[in-house]
Amino acid sequence: MFEYVPTDYARIFFMICLVALAVIALVCLVRAIIGPRFTDRIMAGNMIGTKTLLMVCILAILLGENYIADIALIYALLSFLAVVVLSKLVVTLHRVKKSQQQNAQTEQLKEQNKEEPNRD
């Protein structure tokens, strides 16, 4: 069918894109390490996965190998699944923490009510 053969200028452009994507992925890695909240880390991990997917696709074009695009699709599915699982974990942990705080508050209110004598 149709096969793309990159010229020298296209190869240079793709190499520059690969370097730029690698730098952006490293910046996202720093954000994942520093990020004060867990959601920042999930977002940075998702961005790293997306940048890696783009790099794999560019390499597929540069090398002219079609099977690498299949690997990129599998990687995209795995990255999406990881983000969904981590998001579910964050939501579950948040709900558990919130319910523990509510239980602690109700216990404190019960203790305060026991300490106060009835004013009837």
PDB file of N, CA and C in Angstrom:
ATOM      1  N   MET A   1       0.840  -1.171   0.000  1.00  0.00           N
ATOM      2  CA  MET A   1       0.000   0.000   0.000  1.00  0.00           C
ATOM      3  C   MET A   1       0.890   1.240   0.000  1.00  0.00           C
ATOM      4  N   PHE A   2       0.722   2.129   0.957  1.00  0.00           N
ATOM      5  CA  PHE A   2       1.496   3.357   1.031  1.00  0.00           C
ATOM      6  C   PHE A   2       2.529   3.237   2.144  1.00  0.00           C
ATOM      7  N   GLU A   3       3.758   3.503   1.792  1.00  0.00           N
ATOM      8  CA  GLU A   3       4.818   3.460   2.794  1.00  0.00           C
ATOM      9  C   GLU A   3       5.523   4.810   2.808  1.00  0.00           C
ATOM     10  N   TYR A   4       5.670   5.354   4.000  1.00  0.00           N
ATOM     11  CA  TYR A   4       6.296   6.663   4.158  1.00  0.00           C
ATOM     12  C   TYR A   4       7.788   6.470   4.375  1.00  0.00           C
ATOM     13  N   VAL A   5       8.579   7.130   3.539  1.00  0.00           N
ATOM     14  CA  VAL A   5      10.032   7.104   3.697  1.00  0.00           C
ATOM     15  C   VAL A   5      10.457   8.529   4.048  1.00  0.00           C
ATOM     16  N   PRO A   6      10.881   8.724   5.309  1.00  0.00           N
ATOM     17  CA  PRO A   6      11.224  10.092   5.713  1.00  0.00           C
ATOM     18  C   PRO A   6      12.494  10.596   5.035  1.00  0.00           C
ATOM     19  N   THR A   7      12.475  11.877   4.687  1.00  0.00           N
ATOM     20  CA  THR A   7      13.656  12.505   4.112  1.00  0.00           C
ATOM     21  C   THR A   7      14.617  12.866   5.237  1.00  0.00           C
ATOM     22  N   ASP A   8      15.758  13.421   4.864  1.00  0.00           N
ATOM     23  CA  ASP A   8      16.737  13.811   5.881  1.00  0.00           C
ATOM     24  C   ASP A   8      16.184  14.899   6.804  1.00  0.00           C
ATOM     25  N   TYR A   9      15.455  15.851   6.217  1.00  0.00           N
ATOM     26  CA  TYR A   9      14.874  16.917   7.038  1.00  0.00           C
ATOM     27  C   TYR A   9      13.803  16.367   7.983  1.00  0.00           C
ATOM     28  N   ALA A  10      13.028  15.420   7.497  1.00  0.00           N
ATOM     29  CA  ALA A  10      12.002  14.807   8.347  1.00  0.00           C
ATOM     30  C   ALA A  10      12.653  14.026   9.490  1.00  0.00           C
ATOM     31  N   ARG A  11      13.749  13.342   9.203  1.00  0.00           N
ATOM     32  CA  ARG A  11      14.461  12.609  10.256  1.00  0.00           C
ATOM     33  C   ARG A  11      14.991  13.567  11.325  1.00  0.00           C
ATOM     34  N   ILE A  12      15.538  14.695  10.900  1.00  0.00           N
ATOM     35  CA  ILE A  12      16.031  15.688  11.860  1.00  0.00           C
ATOM     36  C   ILE A  12      14.872  16.234  12.692  1.00  0.00           C
ATOM     37  N   PHE A  13      13.749  16.517  12.020  1.00  0.00           N
ATOM     38  CA  PHE A  13      12.575  17.014  12.734  1.00  0.00           C
ATOM     39  C   PHE A  13      12.076  15.987  13.756  1.00  0.00           C
ATOM     40  N   PHE A  14      12.014  14.731  13.361  1.00  0.00           N
ATOM     41  CA  PHE A  14      11.559  13.692  14.284  1.00  0.00           C
ATOM     42  C   PHE A  14      12.522  13.525  15.455  1.00  0.00           C
ATOM     43  N   MET A  15      13.809  13.652  15.201  1.00  0.00           N
ATOM     44  CA  MET A  15      14.786  13.556  16.293  1.00  0.00           C
ATOM     45  C   MET A  15      14.616  14.717  17.280  1.00  0.00           C
ATOM     46  N   ILE A  16      14.383  15.907  16.738  1.00  0.00           N
ATOM     47  CA  ILE A  16      14.140  17.062  17.614  1.00  0.00           C
ATOM     48  C   ILE A  16      12.865  16.839  18.432  1.00  0.00           C
ATOM     49  N   CYS A  17      11.833  16.294  17.797  1.00  0.00           N
ATOM     50  CA  CYS A  17      10.587  15.998  18.526  1.00  0.00           C
ATOM     51  C   CYS A  17      10.833  14.967  19.620  1.00  0.00           C
ATOM     52  N   LEU A  18      11.646  13.944  19.341  1.00  0.00           N
ATOM     53  CA  LEU A  18      11.954  12.932  20.353  1.00  0.00           C
ATOM     54  C   LEU A  18      12.681  13.544  21.548  1.00  0.00           C
ATOM     55  N   VAL A  19      13.633  14.420  21.263  1.00  0.00           N
ATOM     56  CA  VAL A  19      14.374  15.065  22.345  1.00  0.00           C
ATOM     57  C   VAL A  19      13.441  15.963  23.165  1.00  0.00           C
ATOM     58  N   ALA A  20      12.581  16.718  22.480  1.00  0.00           N
ATOM     59  CA  ALA A  20      11.652  17.605  23.187  1.00  0.00           C
ATOM     60  C   ALA A  20      10.688  16.785  24.050  1.00  0.00           C
ATOM     61  N   LEU A  21      10.183  15.690  23.526  1.00  0.00           N
ATOM     62  CA  LEU A  21       9.273  14.841  24.306  1.00  0.00           C
ATOM     63  C   LEU A  21       9.979  14.215  25.497  1.00  0.00           C
ATOM     64  N   ALA A  22      11.244  13.853  25.330  1.00  0.00           N
ATOM     65  CA  ALA A  22      12.005  13.288  26.449  1.00  0.00           C
ATOM     66  C   ALA A  22      12.200  14.327  27.551  1.00  0.00           C
ATOM     67  N   VAL A  23      12.484  15.562  27.162  1.00  0.00           N
ATOM     68  CA  VAL A  23      12.657  16.632  28.149  1.00  0.00           C
ATOM     69  C   VAL A  23      11.337  16.884  28.885  1.00  0.00           C
ATOM     70  N   ILE A  24      10.243  16.918  28.138  1.00  0.00           N
ATOM     71  CA  ILE A  24       8.936  17.130  28.768  1.00  0.00           C
ATOM     72  C   ILE A  24       8.609  15.979  29.712  1.00  0.00           C
ATOM     73  N   ALA A  25       8.941  14.757  29.318  1.00  0.00           N
ATOM     74  CA  ALA A  25       8.689  13.603  30.188  1.00  0.00           C
ATOM     75  C   ALA A  25       9.528  13.699  31.464  1.00  0.00           C
ATOM     76  N   LEU A  26      10.743  14.193  31.360  1.00  0.00           N
ATOM     77  CA  LEU A  26      11.566  14.370  32.561  1.00  0.00           C
ATOM     78  C   LEU A  26      10.990  15.444  33.480  1.00  0.00           C
ATOM     79  N   VAL A  27      10.453  16.505  32.894  1.00  0.00           N
ATOM     80  CA  VAL A  27       9.800  17.543  33.704  1.00  0.00           C
ATOM     81  C   VAL A  27       8.582  16.956  34.416  1.00  0.00           C
ATOM     82  N   CYS A  28       7.844  16.114  33.720  1.00  0.00           N
ATOM     83  CA  CYS A  28       6.690  15.449  34.348  1.00  0.00           C
ATOM     84  C   CYS A  28       7.145  14.503  35.454  1.00  0.00           C
ATOM     85  N   LEU A  29       8.289  13.861  35.267  1.00  0.00           N
ATOM     86  CA  LEU A  29       8.820  12.987  36.309  1.00  0.00           C
ATOM     87  C   LEU A  29       9.170  13.785  37.556  1.00  0.00           C
ATOM     88  N   VAL A  30       9.755  14.959  37.362  1.00  0.00           N
ATOM     89  CA  VAL A  30      10.050  15.829  38.508  1.00  0.00           C
ATOM     90  C   VAL A  30       8.756  16.230  39.203  1.00  0.00           C
ATOM     91  N   ARG A  31       7.727  16.532  38.422  1.00  0.00           N
ATOM     92  CA  ARG A  31       6.433  16.893  39.011  1.00  0.00           C
ATOM     93  C   ARG A  31       5.836  15.713  39.780  1.00  0.00           C
ATOM     94  N   ALA A  32       6.030  14.517  39.262  1.00  0.00           N
ATOM     95  CA  ALA A  32       5.515  13.332  39.954  1.00  0.00           C
ATOM     96  C   ALA A  32       6.238  13.106  41.272  1.00  0.00           C
ATOM     97  N   ILE A  33       7.505  13.421  41.328  1.00  0.00           N
ATOM     98  CA  ILE A  33       8.273  13.239  42.561  1.00  0.00           C
ATOM     99  C   ILE A  33       7.946  14.335  43.566  1.00  0.00           C
ATOM    100  N   ILE A  34       7.871  15.583  43.101  1.00  0.00           N
ATOM    101  CA  ILE A  34       7.657  16.720  43.998  1.00  0.00           C
ATOM    102  C   ILE A  34       6.186  16.883  44.375  1.00  0.00           C
ATOM    103  N   GLY A  35       5.294  16.598  43.438  1.00  0.00           N
ATOM    104  CA  GLY A  35       3.866  16.871  43.595  1.00  0.00           C
ATOM    105  C   GLY A  35       3.333  16.708  45.001  1.00  0.00           C
ATOM    106  N   PRO A  36       2.748  17.753  45.571  1.00  0.00           N
ATOM    107  CA  PRO A  36       2.309  17.664  46.960  1.00  0.00           C
ATOM    108  C   PRO A  36       1.126  16.718  47.160  1.00  0.00           C
ATOM    109  N   ARG A  37       0.283  16.575  46.156  1.00  0.00           N
ATOM    110  CA  ARG A  37      -0.888  15.714  46.301  1.00  0.00           C
ATOM    111  C   ARG A  37      -0.736  14.470  45.443  1.00  0.00           C
ATOM    112  N   PHE A  38      -1.492  13.456  45.800  1.00  0.00           N
ATOM    113  CA  PHE A  38      -1.440  12.207  45.056  1.00  0.00           C
ATOM    114  C   PHE A  38      -2.022  12.382  43.662  1.00  0.00           C
ATOM    115  N   THR A  39      -3.009  13.274  43.531  1.00  0.00           N
ATOM    116  CA  THR A  39      -3.603  13.513  42.220  1.00  0.00           C
ATOM    117  C   THR A  39      -2.601  14.147  41.257  1.00  0.00           C
ATOM    118  N   ASP A  40      -1.697  14.979  41.779  1.00  0.00           N
ATOM    119  CA  ASP A  40      -0.638  15.536  40.932  1.00  0.00           C
ATOM    120  C   ASP A  40       0.259  14.430  40.401  1.00  0.00           C
ATOM    121  N   ARG A  41       0.525  13.468  41.231  1.00  0.00           N
ATOM    122  CA  ARG A  41       1.382  12.347  40.819  1.00  0.00           C
ATOM    123  C   ARG A  41       0.686  11.481  39.759  1.00  0.00           C
ATOM    124  N   ILE A  42      -0.615  11.277  39.921  1.00  0.00           N
ATOM    125  CA  ILE A  42      -1.356  10.499  38.921  1.00  0.00           C
ATOM    126  C   ILE A  42      -1.361  11.234  37.584  1.00  0.00           C
ATOM    127  N   MET A  43      -1.587  12.535  37.642  1.00  0.00           N
ATOM    128  CA  MET A  43      -1.604  13.339  36.419  1.00  0.00           C
ATOM    129  C   MET A  43      -0.246  13.310  35.722  1.00  0.00           C
ATOM    130  N   ALA A  44       0.821  13.441  36.502  1.00  0.00           N
ATOM    131  CA  ALA A  44       2.161  13.402  35.922  1.00  0.00           C
ATOM    132  C   ALA A  44       2.458  12.030  35.330  1.00  0.00           C
ATOM    133  N   GLY A  45       2.023  10.979  36.000  1.00  0.00           N
ATOM    134  CA  GLY A  45       2.219   9.630  35.458  1.00  0.00           C
ATOM    135  C   GLY A  45       1.461   9.426  34.160  1.00  0.00           C
ATOM    136  N   ASN A  46       0.265   9.969  34.086  1.00  0.00           N
ATOM    137  CA  ASN A  46      -0.509   9.889  32.852  1.00  0.00           C
ATOM    138  C   ASN A  46       0.188  10.650  31.726  1.00  0.00           C
ATOM    139  N   MET A  47       0.731  11.812  32.048  1.00  0.00           N
ATOM    140  CA  MET A  47       1.437  12.595  31.028  1.00  0.00           C
ATOM    141  C   MET A  47       2.706  11.884  30.556  1.00  0.00           C
ATOM    142  N   ILE A  48       3.410  11.244  31.483  1.00  0.00           N
ATOM    143  CA  ILE A  48       4.607  10.491  31.099  1.00  0.00           C
ATOM    144  C   ILE A  48       4.225   9.348  30.159  1.00  0.00           C
ATOM    145  N   GLY A  49       3.116   8.673  30.475  1.00  0.00           N
ATOM    146  CA  GLY A  49       2.650   7.599  29.605  1.00  0.00           C
ATOM    147  C   GLY A  49       2.291   8.100  28.214  1.00  0.00           C
ATOM    148  N   THR A  50       1.647   9.252  28.154  1.00  0.00           N
ATOM    149  CA  THR A  50       1.267   9.822  26.862  1.00  0.00           C
ATOM    150  C   THR A  50       2.503  10.232  26.058  1.00  0.00           C
ATOM    151  N   LYS A  51       3.465  10.849  26.726  1.00  0.00           N
ATOM    152  CA  LYS A  51       4.691  11.256  26.018  1.00  0.00           C
ATOM    153  C   LYS A  51       5.472  10.037  25.522  1.00  0.00           C
ATOM    154  N   THR A  52       5.491   8.986  26.319  1.00  0.00           N
ATOM    155  CA  THR A  52       6.176   7.758  25.895  1.00  0.00           C
ATOM    156  C   THR A  52       5.460   7.150  24.695  1.00  0.00           C
ATOM    157  N   LEU A  53       4.147   7.183  24.711  1.00  0.00           N
ATOM    158  CA  LEU A  53       3.371   6.679  23.580  1.00  0.00           C
ATOM    159  C   LEU A  53       3.698   7.463  22.311  1.00  0.00           C
ATOM    160  N   LEU A  54       3.791   8.767  22.432  1.00  0.00           N
ATOM    161  CA  LEU A  54       4.150   9.586  21.268  1.00  0.00           C
ATOM    162  C   LEU A  54       5.552   9.257  20.765  1.00  0.00           C
ATOM    163  N   MET A  55       6.485   9.032  21.688  1.00  0.00           N
ATOM    164  CA  MET A  55       7.843   8.689  21.276  1.00  0.00           C
ATOM    165  C   MET A  55       7.886   7.345  20.557  1.00  0.00           C
ATOM    166  N   VAL A  56       7.110   6.385  21.024  1.00  0.00           N
ATOM    167  CA  VAL A  56       7.064   5.081  20.366  1.00  0.00           C
ATOM    168  C   VAL A  56       6.475   5.221  18.961  1.00  0.00           C
ATOM    169  N   CYS A  57       5.447   6.043  18.810  1.00  0.00           N
ATOM    170  CA  CYS A  57       4.860   6.254  17.482  1.00  0.00           C
ATOM    171  C   CYS A  57       5.836   6.934  16.526  1.00  0.00           C
ATOM    172  N   ILE A  58       6.577   7.901  17.027  1.00  0.00           N
ATOM    173  CA  ILE A  58       7.582   8.554  16.178  1.00  0.00           C
ATOM    174  C   ILE A  58       8.673   7.563  15.782  1.00  0.00           C
ATOM    175  N   LEU A  59       9.072   6.723  16.714  1.00  0.00           N
ATOM    176  CA  LEU A  59      10.065   5.695  16.378  1.00  0.00           C
ATOM    177  C   LEU A  59       9.521   4.714  15.348  1.00  0.00           C
ATOM    178  N   ALA A  60       8.242   4.404  15.409  1.00  0.00           N
ATOM    179  CA  ALA A  60       7.636   3.516  14.411  1.00  0.00           C
ATOM    180  C   ALA A  60       7.722   4.132  13.023  1.00  0.00           C
ATOM    181  N   ILE A  61       7.522   5.442  12.942  1.00  0.00           N
ATOM    182  CA  ILE A  61       7.622   6.122  11.652  1.00  0.00           C
ATOM    183  C   ILE A  61       9.075   6.156  11.180  1.00  0.00           C
ATOM    184  N   LEU A  62       9.987   6.488  12.103  1.00  0.00           N
ATOM    185  CA  LEU A  62      11.395   6.579  11.722  1.00  0.00           C
ATOM    186  C   LEU A  62      11.961   5.239  11.267  1.00  0.00           C
ATOM    187  N   LEU A  63      11.623   4.178  11.981  1.00  0.00           N
ATOM    188  CA  LEU A  63      12.166   2.866  11.650  1.00  0.00           C
ATOM    189  C   LEU A  63      11.397   2.170  10.536  1.00  0.00           C
ATOM    190  N   GLY A  64      10.188   2.629  10.266  1.00  0.00           N
ATOM    191  CA  GLY A  64       9.389   2.035   9.200  1.00  0.00           C
ATOM    192  C   GLY A  64       8.860   0.653   9.550  1.00  0.00           C
ATOM    193  N   GLU A  65       8.710   0.379  10.810  1.00  0.00           N
ATOM    194  CA  GLU A  65       8.210  -0.921  11.261  1.00  0.00           C
ATOM    195  C   GLU A  65       6.769  -0.761  11.736  1.00  0.00           C
ATOM    196  N   ASN A  66       5.862  -1.536  11.148  1.00  0.00           N
ATOM    197  CA  ASN A  66       4.442  -1.400  11.475  1.00  0.00           C
ATOM    198  C   ASN A  66       4.077  -2.035  12.811  1.00  0.00           C
ATOM    199  N   TYR A  67       4.788  -3.056  13.215  1.00  0.00           N
ATOM    200  CA  TYR A  67       4.434  -3.749  14.458  1.00  0.00           C
ATOM    201  C   TYR A  67       4.655  -2.861  15.688  1.00  0.00           C
ATOM    202  N   ILE A  68       5.482  -1.846  15.573  1.00  0.00           N
ATOM    203  CA  ILE A  68       5.719  -0.949  16.712  1.00  0.00           C
ATOM    204  C   ILE A  68       4.457  -0.148  17.023  1.00  0.00           C
ATOM    205  N   ALA A  69       3.636   0.124  16.014  1.00  0.00           N
ATOM    206  CA  ALA A  69       2.362   0.814  16.259  1.00  0.00           C
ATOM    207  C   ALA A  69       1.433  -0.062  17.104  1.00  0.00           C
ATOM    208  N   ASP A  70       1.480  -1.363  16.903  1.00  0.00           N
ATOM    209  CA  ASP A  70       0.689  -2.274  17.741  1.00  0.00           C
ATOM    210  C   ASP A  70       1.176  -2.232  19.185  1.00  0.00           C
ATOM    211  N   ILE A  71       2.469  -2.170  19.361  1.00  0.00           N
ATOM    212  CA  ILE A  71       3.030  -2.059  20.709  1.00  0.00           C
ATOM    213  C   ILE A  71       2.578  -0.753  21.358  1.00  0.00           C
ATOM    214  N   ALA A  72       2.515   0.310  20.572  1.00  0.00           N
ATOM    215  CA  ALA A  72       2.055   1.598  21.098  1.00  0.00           C
ATOM    216  C   ALA A  72       0.597   1.517  21.550  1.00  0.00           C
ATOM    217  N   LEU A  73      -0.232   0.808  20.815  1.00  0.00           N
ATOM    218  CA  LEU A  73      -1.634   0.649  21.219  1.00  0.00           C
ATOM    219  C   LEU A  73      -1.748  -0.127  22.525  1.00  0.00           C
ATOM    220  N   ILE A  74      -0.966  -1.176  22.657  1.00  0.00           N
ATOM    221  CA  ILE A  74      -0.986  -1.953  23.899  1.00  0.00           C
ATOM    222  C   ILE A  74      -0.503  -1.092  25.059  1.00  0.00           C
ATOM    223  N   TYR A  75       0.537  -0.321  24.835  1.00  0.00           N
ATOM    224  CA  TYR A  75       1.057   0.563  25.878  1.00  0.00           C
ATOM    225  C   TYR A  75       0.010   1.604  26.277  1.00  0.00           C
ATOM    226  N   ALA A  76      -0.726   2.124  25.303  1.00  0.00           N
ATOM    227  CA  ALA A  76      -1.775   3.112  25.601  1.00  0.00           C
ATOM    228  C   ALA A  76      -2.868   2.491  26.464  1.00  0.00           C
ATOM    229  N   LEU A  77      -3.254   1.276  26.161  1.00  0.00           N
ATOM    230  CA  LEU A  77      -4.273   0.606  26.967  1.00  0.00           C
ATOM    231  C   LEU A  77      -3.779   0.352  28.389  1.00  0.00           C
ATOM    232  N   LEU A  78      -2.538  -0.065  28.530  1.00  0.00           N
ATOM    233  CA  LEU A  78      -1.983  -0.305  29.859  1.00  0.00           C
ATOM    234  C   LEU A  78      -1.862   0.991  30.659  1.00  0.00           C
ATOM    235  N   SER A  79      -1.469   2.053  30.001  1.00  0.00           N
ATOM    236  CA  SER A  79      -1.352   3.346  30.673  1.00  0.00           C
ATOM    237  C   SER A  79      -2.725   3.830  31.139  1.00  0.00           C
ATOM    238  N   PHE A  80      -3.718   3.692  30.291  1.00  0.00           N
ATOM    239  CA  PHE A  80      -5.080   4.084  30.660  1.00  0.00           C
ATOM    240  C   PHE A  80      -5.581   3.256  31.834  1.00  0.00           C
ATOM    241  N   LEU A  81      -5.341   1.956  31.792  1.00  0.00           N
ATOM    242  CA  LEU A  81      -5.778   1.086  32.876  1.00  0.00           C
ATOM    243  C   LEU A  81      -5.103   1.455  34.194  1.00  0.00           C
ATOM    244  N   ALA A  82      -3.815   1.785  34.139  1.00  0.00           N
ATOM    245  CA  ALA A  82      -3.093   2.183  35.355  1.00  0.00           C
ATOM    246  C   ALA A  82      -3.676   3.458  35.946  1.00  0.00           C
ATOM    247  N   VAL A  83      -4.004   4.421  35.113  1.00  0.00           N
ATOM    248  CA  VAL A  83      -4.578   5.677  35.605  1.00  0.00           C
ATOM    249  C   VAL A  83      -5.957   5.434  36.213  1.00  0.00           C
ATOM    250  N   VAL A  84      -6.752   4.586  35.598  1.00  0.00           N
ATOM    251  CA  VAL A  84      -8.080   4.292  36.142  1.00  0.00           C
ATOM    252  C   VAL A  84      -7.959   3.606  37.504  1.00  0.00           C
ATOM    253  N   VAL A  85      -7.061   2.633  37.620  1.00  0.00           N
ATOM    254  CA  VAL A  85      -6.895   1.915  38.885  1.00  0.00           C
ATOM    255  C   VAL A  85      -6.379   2.852  39.975  1.00  0.00           C
ATOM    256  N   LEU A  86      -5.405   3.684  39.654  1.00  0.00           N
ATOM    257  CA  LEU A  86      -4.881   4.625  40.647  1.00  0.00           C
ATOM    258  C   LEU A  86      -5.928   5.657  41.054  1.00  0.00           C
ATOM    259  N   SER A  87      -6.737   6.096  40.115  1.00  0.00           N
ATOM    260  CA  SER A  87      -7.809   7.046  40.445  1.00  0.00           C
ATOM    261  C   SER A  87      -8.840   6.404  41.364  1.00  0.00           C
ATOM    262  N   LYS A  88      -9.171   5.161  41.088  1.00  0.00           N
ATOM    263  CA  LYS A  88     -10.105   4.442  41.957  1.00  0.00           C
ATOM    264  C   LYS A  88      -9.525   4.295  43.355  1.00  0.00           C
ATOM    265  N   LEU A  89      -8.234   4.029  43.441  1.00  0.00           N
ATOM    266  CA  LEU A  89      -7.565   3.913  44.733  1.00  0.00           C
ATOM    267  C   LEU A  89      -7.635   5.225  45.507  1.00  0.00           C
ATOM    268  N   VAL A  90      -7.384   6.335  44.833  1.00  0.00           N
ATOM    269  CA  VAL A  90      -7.430   7.646  45.485  1.00  0.00           C
ATOM    270  C   VAL A  90      -8.836   7.942  45.993  1.00  0.00           C
ATOM    271  N   VAL A  91      -9.845   7.665  45.173  1.00  0.00           N
ATOM    272  CA  VAL A  91     -11.230   7.927  45.589  1.00  0.00           C
ATOM    273  C   VAL A  91     -11.597   7.058  46.787  1.00  0.00           C
ATOM    274  N   THR A  92     -11.206   5.803  46.765  1.00  0.00           N
ATOM    275  CA  THR A  92     -11.514   4.901  47.880  1.00  0.00           C
ATOM    276  C   THR A  92     -10.823   5.357  49.160  1.00  0.00           C
ATOM    277  N   LEU A  93      -9.554   5.709  49.068  1.00  0.00           N
ATOM    278  CA  LEU A  93      -8.830   6.183  50.247  1.00  0.00           C
ATOM    279  C   LEU A  93      -9.442   7.470  50.792  1.00  0.00           C
ATOM    280  N   HIS A  94      -9.874   8.355  49.908  1.00  0.00           N
ATOM    281  CA  HIS A  94     -10.501   9.607  50.340  1.00  0.00           C
ATOM    282  C   HIS A  94     -11.809   9.323  51.083  1.00  0.00           C
ATOM    283  N   ARG A  95     -12.597   8.394  50.566  1.00  0.00           N
ATOM    284  CA  ARG A  95     -13.866   8.067  51.222  1.00  0.00           C
ATOM    285  C   ARG A  95     -13.634   7.429  52.587  1.00  0.00           C
ATOM    286  N   VAL A  96     -12.639   6.562  52.682  1.00  0.00           N
ATOM    287  CA  VAL A  96     -12.340   5.918  53.962  1.00  0.00           C
ATOM    288  C   VAL A  96     -11.878   6.957  54.974  1.00  0.00           C
ATOM    289  N   LYS A  97     -11.008   7.849  54.545  1.00  0.00           N
ATOM    290  CA  LYS A  97     -10.513   8.897  55.447  1.00  0.00           C
ATOM    291  C   LYS A  97     -11.644   9.804  55.908  1.00  0.00           C
ATOM    292  N   LYS A  98     -12.542  10.141  54.980  1.00  0.00           N
ATOM    293  CA  LYS A  98     -13.667  11.006  55.322  1.00  0.00           C
ATOM    294  C   LYS A  98     -14.601  10.316  56.316  1.00  0.00           C
ATOM    295  N   SER A  99     -14.860   9.040  56.117  1.00  0.00           N
ATOM    296  CA  SER A  99     -15.743   8.330  57.047  1.00  0.00           C
ATOM    297  C   SER A  99     -15.084   8.170  58.417  1.00  0.00           C
ATOM    298  N   GLN A 100     -13.773   7.984  58.464  1.00  0.00           N
ATOM    299  CA  GLN A 100     -13.076   7.904  59.750  1.00  0.00           C
ATOM    300  C   GLN A 100     -13.144   9.235  60.484  1.00  0.00           C
ATOM    301  N   GLN A 101     -13.016  10.339  59.753  1.00  0.00           N
ATOM    302  CA  GLN A 101     -13.126  11.653  60.378  1.00  0.00           C
ATOM    303  C   GLN A 101     -14.532  11.882  60.914  1.00  0.00           C
ATOM    304  N   GLN A 102     -15.530  11.472  60.169  1.00  0.00           N
ATOM    305  CA  GLN A 102     -16.909  11.634  60.636  1.00  0.00           C
ATOM    306  C   GLN A 102     -17.166  10.771  61.863  1.00  0.00           C
ATOM    307  N   ASN A 103     -16.624   9.554  61.879  1.00  0.00           N
ATOM    308  CA  ASN A 103     -16.790   8.685  63.050  1.00  0.00           C
ATOM    309  C   ASN A 103     -16.103   9.283  64.272  1.00  0.00           C
ATOM    310  N   ALA A 104     -14.924   9.859  64.069  1.00  0.00           N
ATOM    311  CA  ALA A 104     -14.215  10.481  65.185  1.00  0.00           C
ATOM    312  C   ALA A 104     -14.991  11.688  65.713  1.00  0.00           C
ATOM    313  N   GLN A 105     -15.583  12.463  64.834  1.00  0.00           N
ATOM    314  CA  GLN A 105     -16.373  13.622  65.256  1.00  0.00           C
ATOM    315  C   GLN A 105     -17.618  13.189  66.028  1.00  0.00           C
ATOM    316  N   THR A 106     -18.285  12.142  65.584  1.00  0.00           N
ATOM    317  CA  THR A 106     -19.467  11.681  66.311  1.00  0.00           C
ATOM    318  C   THR A 106     -19.088  11.121  67.675  1.00  0.00           C
ATOM    319  N   GLU A 107     -17.943  10.464  67.760  1.00  0.00           N
ATOM    320  CA  GLU A 107     -17.471   9.962  69.055  1.00  0.00           C
ATOM    321  C   GLU A 107     -17.171  11.126  70.011  1.00  0.00           C
ATOM    322  N   GLN A 108     -16.560  12.183  69.481  1.00  0.00           N
ATOM    323  CA  GLN A 108     -16.280  13.356  70.308  1.00  0.00           C
ATOM    324  C   GLN A 108     -17.575  14.003  70.792  1.00  0.00           C
ATOM    325  N   LEU A 109     -18.550  14.087  69.929  1.00  0.00           N
ATOM    326  CA  LEU A 109     -19.836  14.666  70.332  1.00  0.00           C
ATOM    327  C   LEU A 109     -20.519  13.814  71.392  1.00  0.00           C
ATOM    328  N   LYS A 110     -20.436  12.504  71.254  1.00  0.00           N
ATOM    329  CA  LYS A 110     -21.026  11.617  72.258  1.00  0.00           C
ATOM    330  C   LYS A 110     -20.333  11.788  73.606  1.00  0.00           C
ATOM    331  N   GLU A 111     -19.010  11.902  73.589  1.00  0.00           N
ATOM    332  CA  GLU A 111     -18.265  12.099  74.835  1.00  0.00           C
ATOM    333  C   GLU A 111     -18.610  13.441  75.466  1.00  0.00           C
ATOM    334  N   GLN A 112     -18.762  14.468  74.670  1.00  0.00           N
ATOM    335  CA  GLN A 112     -19.134  15.779  75.197  1.00  0.00           C
ATOM    336  C   GLN A 112     -20.536  15.753  75.796  1.00  0.00           C
ATOM    337  N   ASN A 113     -21.435  15.036  75.177  1.00  0.00           N
ATOM    338  CA  ASN A 113     -22.803  14.938  75.702  1.00  0.00           C
ATOM    339  C   ASN A 113     -22.842  14.152  77.010  1.00  0.00           C
ATOM    340  N   LYS A 114     -21.980  13.160  77.154  1.00  0.00           N
ATOM    341  CA  LYS A 114     -21.933  12.383  78.396  1.00  0.00           C
ATOM    342  C   LYS A 114     -21.372  13.220  79.543  1.00  0.00           C
ATOM    343  N   GLU A 115     -20.403  14.070  79.241  1.00  0.00           N
ATOM    344  CA  GLU A 115     -19.759  14.892  80.275  1.00  0.00           C
ATOM    345  C   GLU A 115     -20.677  16.004  80.769  1.00  0.00           C
ATOM    346  N   GLU A 116     -21.507  16.536  79.902  1.00  0.00           N
ATOM    347  CA  GLU A 116     -22.401  17.621  80.294  1.00  0.00           C
ATOM    348  C   GLU A 116     -23.605  17.044  81.036  1.00  0.00           C
ATOM    349  N   PRO A 117     -23.910  17.586  82.201  1.00  0.00           N
ATOM    350  CA  PRO A 117     -25.108  17.099  82.921  1.00  0.00           C
ATOM    351  C   PRO A 117     -26.365  17.606  82.226  1.00  0.00           C
ATOM    352  N   ASN A 118     -27.420  16.888  82.411  1.00  0.00           N
ATOM    353  CA  ASN A 118     -28.695  17.308  81.826  1.00  0.00           C
ATOM    354  C   ASN A 118     -29.174  18.588  82.523  1.00  0.00           C
ATOM    355  N   ARG A 119     -29.639  19.541  81.777  1.00  0.00           N
ATOM    356  CA  ARG A 119     -30.071  20.827  82.329  1.00  0.00           C
ATOM    357  C   ARG A 119     -31.586  20.870  82.491  1.00  0.00           C
ATOM    358  N   ASP A 120     -32.230  19.773  82.506  1.00  0.00           N
ATOM    359  CA  ASP A 120     -33.686  19.749  82.663  1.00  0.00           C
ATOM    360  C   ASP A 120     -34.110  20.064  84.063  1.00  0.00           C
TER     361      ASP A 120
END
